Protein backbone atom coordinates (compact mmCIF):
# COMPACT_ATOMS: atom_id res chain seq x y z
CA UNK A 1 11.65 -10.77 -12.56
CA UNK A 2 12.37 -9.67 -8.99
CA UNK A 3 10.54 -9.99 -5.70
CA UNK A 4 6.73 -10.26 -5.97
CA UNK A 5 6.42 -9.14 -9.58
CA UNK A 6 3.16 -7.63 -10.79
CA UNK A 7 0.69 -10.25 -12.04
CA UNK A 8 -1.97 -7.87 -13.42
CA UNK A 9 -1.98 -4.61 -15.30
CA UNK A 10 -2.54 -1.61 -12.95
CA UNK A 11 -4.31 0.27 -15.81
CA UNK A 12 -6.68 -2.39 -17.30
CA UNK A 13 -6.47 -5.41 -15.00
CA UNK A 14 -5.30 -7.90 -17.77
CA UNK A 15 -2.77 -10.52 -16.72
CA UNK A 16 0.81 -9.32 -17.57
CA UNK A 17 3.55 -11.27 -19.38
CA UNK A 18 7.22 -10.96 -18.99
CA UNK A 19 9.01 -9.18 -21.84
CA UNK A 20 12.34 -7.50 -22.26
CA UNK A 21 11.74 -3.83 -22.06
CA UNK A 22 14.43 -1.17 -21.40
CA UNK A 23 17.11 -3.92 -21.42
CA UNK A 24 15.57 -6.05 -18.66
CA UNK A 25 12.74 -8.61 -18.36
CA UNK A 26 9.69 -6.68 -16.92
CA UNK A 27 5.93 -7.34 -16.50
CA UNK A 28 4.21 -5.94 -19.56
CA UNK A 29 0.48 -5.70 -20.31
CA UNK A 30 -0.31 -7.40 -23.68
CA UNK A 31 -3.59 -5.47 -23.88
CA UNK A 32 -2.57 -1.85 -23.23
CA UNK A 33 1.23 -1.93 -23.28
CA UNK A 34 1.70 -0.81 -19.67
CA UNK A 35 5.14 -1.70 -18.32
CA UNK A 36 5.67 -2.28 -14.65
CA UNK A 37 8.86 -0.90 -13.13
CA UNK A 38 9.71 -2.26 -9.66
CA UNK A 39 10.71 0.73 -7.60
CA UNK A 40 13.29 0.32 -4.81
CA UNK A 41 12.28 0.23 -1.17
CA UNK A 42 13.92 3.02 0.84
CA UNK A 43 14.57 3.00 4.53
CA UNK A 44 16.03 5.56 6.83
CA UNK A 45 17.89 5.25 10.15
CA UNK A 46 19.45 7.53 12.70
CA UNK A 47 22.58 7.51 14.78
CA UNK A 48 21.98 9.29 18.04
CA UNK A 49 24.97 9.56 20.44
CA UNK A 50 25.06 11.07 23.89
CA UNK A 51 28.04 10.98 26.26
CA UNK A 52 29.80 8.26 24.25
CA UNK A 53 26.64 6.06 24.16
CA UNK A 54 24.60 4.99 21.15
CA UNK A 55 20.81 4.82 20.93
CA UNK A 56 19.61 1.34 19.88
CA UNK A 57 16.32 -0.47 19.60
CA UNK A 58 15.59 -4.13 20.14
CA UNK A 59 13.60 -5.67 17.29
CA UNK A 60 10.23 -7.13 18.08
CA UNK A 61 9.74 -8.69 14.62
CA UNK A 62 11.60 -10.90 12.19
CA UNK A 63 14.00 -10.73 10.68
CA UNK A 64 16.53 -10.54 13.55
CA UNK A 65 13.89 -10.55 16.26
CA UNK A 66 15.49 -9.81 19.67
CA UNK A 67 18.61 -8.27 18.13
CA UNK A 68 19.47 -4.61 18.31
CA UNK A 69 19.69 -1.98 15.60
CA UNK A 70 19.65 1.70 14.96
CA UNK A 71 16.23 3.39 15.10
CA UNK A 72 14.78 3.48 11.63
CA UNK A 73 12.29 2.12 9.15
CA UNK A 74 10.67 2.61 5.74
CA UNK A 75 10.16 5.97 4.18
CA UNK A 76 6.86 6.94 2.65
CA UNK A 77 6.86 7.94 -0.96
CA UNK A 78 5.99 11.55 -0.26
CA UNK A 79 8.30 12.02 2.74
CA UNK A 80 11.50 14.02 3.03
CA UNK A 81 14.16 11.49 4.02
CA UNK A 82 15.43 13.49 7.00
CA UNK A 83 11.93 14.01 8.36
CA UNK A 84 11.23 10.30 7.87
CA UNK A 85 14.28 9.46 9.97
CA UNK A 86 13.10 11.81 12.71
CA UNK A 87 9.59 10.31 12.60
CA UNK A 88 10.92 6.75 12.81
CA UNK A 89 13.14 7.60 15.79
CA UNK A 90 10.20 9.18 17.60
CA UNK A 91 7.92 6.12 16.83
CA UNK A 92 10.50 3.61 18.04
CA UNK A 93 12.11 5.38 20.95
CA UNK A 94 9.83 8.17 22.18
CA UNK A 95 12.66 10.66 21.50
CA UNK A 96 12.33 13.74 19.39
CA UNK A 97 15.49 14.26 17.32
CA UNK A 98 16.76 16.67 14.64
CA UNK A 99 18.97 15.21 11.88
CA UNK A 100 22.30 17.06 11.80
CA UNK A 101 24.09 15.45 8.88
CA UNK A 102 23.89 12.73 6.21
CA UNK A 103 26.07 9.81 7.17
CA UNK A 104 25.60 7.84 3.93
CA UNK A 105 23.32 6.26 1.42
CA UNK A 106 23.86 2.53 1.41
CA UNK A 107 22.63 -0.23 -0.83
CA UNK A 108 22.11 -3.65 0.74
CA UNK A 109 18.99 -5.80 0.64
CA UNK A 110 19.69 -8.31 3.45
CA UNK A 111 16.36 -10.16 3.32
CA UNK A 112 13.48 -10.56 0.74
CA UNK A 113 11.25 -7.80 2.08
CA UNK A 114 14.02 -5.45 3.21
CA UNK A 115 15.10 -2.13 1.89
CA UNK A 116 17.17 -1.69 -1.24
CA UNK A 117 18.52 1.63 -0.13
CA UNK A 118 19.10 2.88 3.37
CA UNK A 119 19.71 6.63 4.10
CA UNK A 120 21.57 7.12 7.40
CA UNK A 121 21.68 10.33 9.34
CA UNK A 122 23.36 11.55 12.52
CA UNK A 123 20.78 13.14 14.78
CA UNK A 124 20.57 15.04 18.11
CA UNK A 125 17.97 14.59 20.78
CA UNK A 126 15.64 17.62 21.11
CA UNK A 127 12.98 16.33 23.43
CA UNK A 128 10.77 13.39 24.37
CA UNK A 129 11.19 10.56 26.81
CA UNK A 130 12.97 7.27 26.12
CA UNK A 131 10.19 4.73 25.70
CA UNK A 132 10.14 1.85 23.24
CA UNK A 133 7.26 1.87 20.79
CA UNK A 134 6.04 0.80 17.38
CA UNK A 135 8.09 -2.35 16.45
CA UNK A 136 10.78 -1.89 19.11
CA UNK A 137 10.69 -4.04 22.24
CA UNK A 138 13.21 -1.89 24.06
CA UNK A 139 15.14 1.32 23.44
CA UNK A 140 18.32 2.11 25.29
CA UNK A 141 21.68 3.92 25.07
CA UNK A 142 24.68 1.59 25.00
CA UNK A 143 28.35 2.60 25.51
CA UNK A 144 30.36 1.95 22.32
CA UNK A 145 32.52 -0.45 24.36
CA UNK A 146 29.46 -2.57 25.29
CA UNK A 147 27.23 -2.71 22.23
CA UNK A 148 24.96 -5.75 21.93
CA UNK A 149 24.82 -7.85 18.82
CA UNK A 150 23.76 -5.55 15.96
CA UNK A 151 21.16 -6.95 13.54
CA UNK A 152 22.03 -5.56 10.10
CA UNK A 153 25.15 -4.97 7.98
CA UNK A 154 24.08 -1.38 7.22
CA UNK A 155 23.69 -0.55 11.00
CA UNK A 156 27.03 -2.19 11.69
CA UNK A 157 28.63 -0.17 8.93
CA UNK A 158 27.17 3.12 10.25
CA UNK A 159 28.44 2.21 13.69
CA UNK A 160 31.93 1.49 12.22
CA UNK A 161 31.77 -2.17 13.17
CA UNK A 162 32.31 -3.58 9.70
């Protein structure tokens, strides 16, 4: 089983057991037959460029505390991915943005509690004032020729560094 498997049935509360269901070992309730499917975590990020400079945020938390990355974060289950990317950018940078195009859907869990899927968008600033917030220590534009160390493979890929 994968990362923090279910230990109890969400329907009846009985302890689950591992059984092969749908070609994989999964938590199954021996009382009511409920099968737990571990859904992927989905994150979003935005690439905002102005005058040859890239918007980055400095991470306040582990993993990669102190390193820089693209603005982004986890998507809620009922959110439109593009709106989630815009929300995350506003929360982390104070800038209002509008997504302009999909850059890619990437799969890469780099750490145990990380995202399985990252949806990356290009975005354009529409308002707001640059001000780090949420889990960002700093937010700043960097020229492509002077980027700081970038925290994650997905962000490096979106930036064309890998």
